[in-house]
N, C-alpha and C. Protein backbone atom coordinates (compact mmCIF):
# COMPACT_ATOMS: atom_id res chain seq x y z
N UNK A 1 28.79 -12.93 7.97
CA UNK A 1 29.25 -13.46 9.24
C UNK A 1 29.38 -14.99 9.13
N UNK A 2 30.30 -15.53 9.88
CA UNK A 2 30.47 -16.98 9.90
C UNK A 2 29.36 -17.62 10.73
N UNK A 3 29.12 -18.91 10.54
CA UNK A 3 28.13 -19.58 11.38
C UNK A 3 28.44 -19.46 12.87
N UNK A 4 29.71 -19.50 13.23
CA UNK A 4 30.09 -19.38 14.63
C UNK A 4 29.75 -17.99 15.17
N UNK A 5 30.01 -16.96 14.36
CA UNK A 5 29.66 -15.59 14.77
C UNK A 5 28.16 -15.43 14.91
N UNK A 6 27.41 -15.99 13.97
CA UNK A 6 25.95 -15.88 14.02
C UNK A 6 25.41 -16.56 15.28
N UNK A 7 25.91 -17.74 15.58
CA UNK A 7 25.45 -18.47 16.77
C UNK A 7 25.83 -17.77 18.06
N UNK A 8 26.84 -16.90 18.01
CA UNK A 8 27.28 -16.18 19.19
C UNK A 8 26.60 -14.84 19.42
N UNK A 9 25.70 -14.46 18.52
CA UNK A 9 25.00 -13.18 18.66
C UNK A 9 24.07 -13.17 19.86
N UNK A 10 23.85 -11.99 20.41
CA UNK A 10 22.83 -11.82 21.44
C UNK A 10 21.51 -11.63 20.73
N UNK A 11 20.60 -12.56 20.91
CA UNK A 11 19.31 -12.56 20.23
C UNK A 11 18.27 -11.92 21.13
N UNK A 12 17.51 -10.98 20.56
CA UNK A 12 16.45 -10.31 21.32
C UNK A 12 15.10 -11.01 21.20
N UNK A 13 14.89 -11.70 20.08
CA UNK A 13 13.63 -12.40 19.88
C UNK A 13 13.86 -13.58 18.96
N UNK A 14 13.17 -14.69 19.24
CA UNK A 14 13.24 -15.89 18.41
C UNK A 14 11.84 -16.17 17.86
N UNK A 15 11.77 -16.38 16.56
CA UNK A 15 10.52 -16.80 15.91
C UNK A 15 10.73 -18.25 15.47
N UNK A 16 9.98 -19.15 16.07
CA UNK A 16 10.08 -20.56 15.71
C UNK A 16 8.95 -20.88 14.74
N UNK A 17 9.27 -20.86 13.45
CA UNK A 17 8.28 -21.12 12.40
C UNK A 17 8.51 -22.49 11.76
N UNK A 18 9.23 -23.37 12.46
CA UNK A 18 9.45 -24.70 11.91
C UNK A 18 8.11 -25.41 11.76
N UNK A 19 7.93 -26.06 10.63
CA UNK A 19 6.68 -26.76 10.35
C UNK A 19 5.64 -25.89 9.68
N UNK A 20 5.90 -24.61 9.57
CA UNK A 20 4.99 -23.67 8.92
C UNK A 20 5.42 -23.48 7.47
N UNK A 21 4.45 -23.54 6.57
CA UNK A 21 4.75 -23.37 5.14
C UNK A 21 4.66 -21.89 4.76
N UNK A 22 5.31 -21.56 3.66
CA UNK A 22 5.29 -20.20 3.13
C UNK A 22 3.84 -19.78 2.87
N UNK A 23 3.41 -18.60 3.25
CA UNK A 23 4.18 -17.46 3.74
C UNK A 23 4.23 -17.34 5.26
N UNK A 24 3.89 -18.40 5.98
CA UNK A 24 3.85 -18.35 7.44
C UNK A 24 5.10 -17.82 8.11
N UNK A 25 6.29 -18.34 7.79
CA UNK A 25 7.50 -17.84 8.44
C UNK A 25 7.74 -16.34 8.17
N UNK A 26 7.48 -15.89 6.96
CA UNK A 26 7.66 -14.47 6.64
C UNK A 26 6.66 -13.62 7.41
N UNK A 27 5.43 -14.06 7.50
CA UNK A 27 4.41 -13.29 8.23
C UNK A 27 4.76 -13.20 9.72
N UNK A 28 5.23 -14.31 10.29
CA UNK A 28 5.64 -14.31 11.70
C UNK A 28 6.84 -13.39 11.92
N UNK A 29 7.76 -13.37 10.96
CA UNK A 29 8.94 -12.50 11.06
C UNK A 29 8.52 -11.04 11.00
N UNK A 30 7.62 -10.70 10.08
CA UNK A 30 7.13 -9.32 9.97
C UNK A 30 6.51 -8.86 11.27
N UNK A 31 5.65 -9.69 11.85
CA UNK A 31 4.96 -9.34 13.10
C UNK A 31 5.97 -9.12 14.23
N UNK A 32 6.91 -10.05 14.36
CA UNK A 32 7.90 -9.95 15.43
C UNK A 32 8.76 -8.70 15.29
N UNK A 33 9.22 -8.41 14.08
CA UNK A 33 10.06 -7.22 13.87
C UNK A 33 9.30 -5.93 14.13
N UNK A 34 8.00 -5.92 13.89
CA UNK A 34 7.21 -4.71 14.15
C UNK A 34 7.16 -4.38 15.64
N UNK A 35 7.43 -5.37 16.49
CA UNK A 35 7.40 -5.19 17.94
C UNK A 35 8.79 -4.93 18.52
N UNK A 36 9.80 -4.90 17.67
CA UNK A 36 11.18 -4.77 18.14
C UNK A 36 11.71 -3.36 17.93
N UNK A 37 12.78 -3.04 18.65
CA UNK A 37 13.43 -1.74 18.56
C UNK A 37 14.58 -1.79 17.56
N UNK A 38 14.92 -0.65 16.95
CA UNK A 38 16.08 -0.61 16.05
C UNK A 38 17.34 -1.11 16.76
N UNK A 39 18.12 -1.89 16.06
CA UNK A 39 19.35 -2.44 16.61
C UNK A 39 19.19 -3.82 17.22
N UNK A 40 17.94 -4.23 17.47
CA UNK A 40 17.72 -5.55 18.04
C UNK A 40 17.83 -6.62 16.96
N UNK A 41 18.14 -7.84 17.40
CA UNK A 41 18.36 -8.95 16.47
C UNK A 41 17.32 -10.04 16.68
N UNK A 42 16.78 -10.52 15.56
CA UNK A 42 15.81 -11.60 15.58
C UNK A 42 16.44 -12.84 14.95
N UNK A 43 16.10 -13.99 15.51
CA UNK A 43 16.51 -15.27 14.95
C UNK A 43 15.23 -15.98 14.50
N UNK A 44 15.18 -16.36 13.24
CA UNK A 44 14.02 -17.04 12.67
C UNK A 44 14.40 -18.49 12.40
N UNK A 45 13.63 -19.40 12.96
CA UNK A 45 13.84 -20.83 12.73
C UNK A 45 12.78 -21.30 11.74
N UNK A 46 13.19 -21.90 10.65
CA UNK A 46 12.24 -22.34 9.64
C UNK A 46 12.72 -23.59 8.93
N UNK A 47 11.77 -24.51 8.71
CA UNK A 47 12.07 -25.72 7.95
C UNK A 47 11.62 -25.59 6.50
N UNK A 48 11.01 -24.45 6.16
CA UNK A 48 10.53 -24.20 4.79
C UNK A 48 11.68 -23.62 3.95
N UNK A 49 12.06 -24.32 2.89
CA UNK A 49 13.20 -23.89 2.07
C UNK A 49 12.98 -22.51 1.46
N UNK A 50 11.76 -22.13 1.16
CA UNK A 50 11.47 -20.82 0.58
C UNK A 50 11.80 -19.67 1.51
N UNK A 51 11.78 -19.94 2.80
CA UNK A 51 12.09 -18.90 3.79
C UNK A 51 13.50 -18.37 3.60
N UNK A 52 14.42 -19.26 3.27
CA UNK A 52 15.82 -18.86 3.09
C UNK A 52 15.98 -17.89 1.93
N UNK A 53 15.05 -17.92 0.99
CA UNK A 53 15.07 -17.00 -0.15
C UNK A 53 14.23 -15.75 0.15
N UNK A 54 13.02 -15.95 0.69
CA UNK A 54 12.06 -14.86 0.85
C UNK A 54 12.39 -13.88 1.97
N UNK A 55 12.78 -14.39 3.12
CA UNK A 55 13.04 -13.52 4.27
C UNK A 55 14.21 -12.56 4.00
N UNK A 56 15.35 -13.03 3.48
CA UNK A 56 16.44 -12.08 3.21
C UNK A 56 16.04 -10.99 2.20
N UNK A 57 15.33 -11.37 1.13
CA UNK A 57 14.90 -10.38 0.14
C UNK A 57 13.98 -9.34 0.77
N UNK A 58 13.05 -9.79 1.59
CA UNK A 58 12.13 -8.88 2.26
C UNK A 58 12.88 -7.97 3.23
N UNK A 59 13.82 -8.54 3.99
CA UNK A 59 14.58 -7.76 4.98
C UNK A 59 15.36 -6.62 4.31
N UNK A 60 16.02 -6.93 3.21
CA UNK A 60 16.78 -5.91 2.48
C UNK A 60 15.83 -4.83 1.93
N UNK A 61 14.71 -5.26 1.41
CA UNK A 61 13.72 -4.31 0.88
C UNK A 61 13.23 -3.34 1.97
N UNK A 62 13.09 -3.85 3.20
CA UNK A 62 12.63 -3.03 4.33
C UNK A 62 13.78 -2.28 5.00
N UNK A 63 14.98 -2.43 4.46
CA UNK A 63 16.19 -1.77 4.96
C UNK A 63 16.61 -2.27 6.34
N UNK A 64 16.34 -3.55 6.60
CA UNK A 64 16.88 -4.22 7.78
C UNK A 64 18.19 -4.86 7.35
N UNK A 65 19.02 -5.20 8.31
CA UNK A 65 20.31 -5.82 7.99
C UNK A 65 20.19 -7.34 8.10
N UNK A 66 20.28 -8.01 6.96
CA UNK A 66 20.27 -9.47 6.97
C UNK A 66 21.68 -9.92 7.30
N UNK A 67 21.83 -10.62 8.42
CA UNK A 67 23.15 -11.00 8.91
C UNK A 67 23.64 -12.34 8.37
N UNK A 68 22.71 -13.20 7.98
CA UNK A 68 23.10 -14.50 7.44
C UNK A 68 22.23 -15.61 7.99
N UNK A 69 22.61 -16.84 7.64
CA UNK A 69 21.84 -17.99 8.10
C UNK A 69 22.77 -19.15 8.39
N UNK A 70 22.25 -20.08 9.17
CA UNK A 70 22.97 -21.28 9.55
C UNK A 70 22.06 -22.46 9.25
N UNK A 71 22.60 -23.46 8.58
CA UNK A 71 21.84 -24.68 8.27
C UNK A 71 21.96 -25.63 9.45
N UNK A 72 20.83 -26.06 9.96
CA UNK A 72 20.80 -27.06 11.02
C UNK A 72 20.21 -28.34 10.44
N UNK A 73 20.07 -29.36 11.22
CA UNK A 73 19.52 -30.62 10.76
C UNK A 73 18.00 -30.48 10.56
N UNK A 74 17.58 -30.24 9.33
CA UNK A 74 16.16 -30.15 9.01
C UNK A 74 15.56 -28.76 9.05
N UNK A 75 16.36 -27.74 9.35
CA UNK A 75 15.84 -26.37 9.36
C UNK A 75 16.97 -25.36 9.23
N UNK A 76 16.57 -24.10 9.06
CA UNK A 76 17.52 -22.99 8.96
C UNK A 76 17.34 -22.05 10.14
N UNK A 77 18.41 -21.35 10.52
CA UNK A 77 18.38 -20.24 11.47
C UNK A 77 18.76 -19.00 10.66
N UNK A 78 17.87 -18.03 10.60
CA UNK A 78 18.15 -16.79 9.86
C UNK A 78 18.24 -15.65 10.87
N UNK A 79 19.15 -14.72 10.63
CA UNK A 79 19.41 -13.63 11.56
C UNK A 79 19.22 -12.28 10.88
N UNK A 80 18.42 -11.42 11.52
CA UNK A 80 18.13 -10.10 10.97
C UNK A 80 18.29 -9.07 12.09
N UNK A 81 18.94 -7.96 11.74
CA UNK A 81 19.08 -6.85 12.68
C UNK A 81 18.14 -5.74 12.22
N UNK A 82 17.26 -5.33 13.12
CA UNK A 82 16.30 -4.27 12.77
C UNK A 82 17.00 -2.93 12.75
């Protein structure tokens, strides 16, 4: 998806993990997704560069749909569909 498409998604839950070091953002994402219903979309905000690598790999492994990410000033927005 393009950054414009990602920013236009209807988000069901936002995890703001900015300022948290690995594995904090991944752990927060796991917890949030466990509380969500299939088909819902989560947006993860993280300033940790490792999150951009770790979260997509984990999402695919768990058979969630990784939709993409958007680079912002000093952090990333990652999108996952449960």
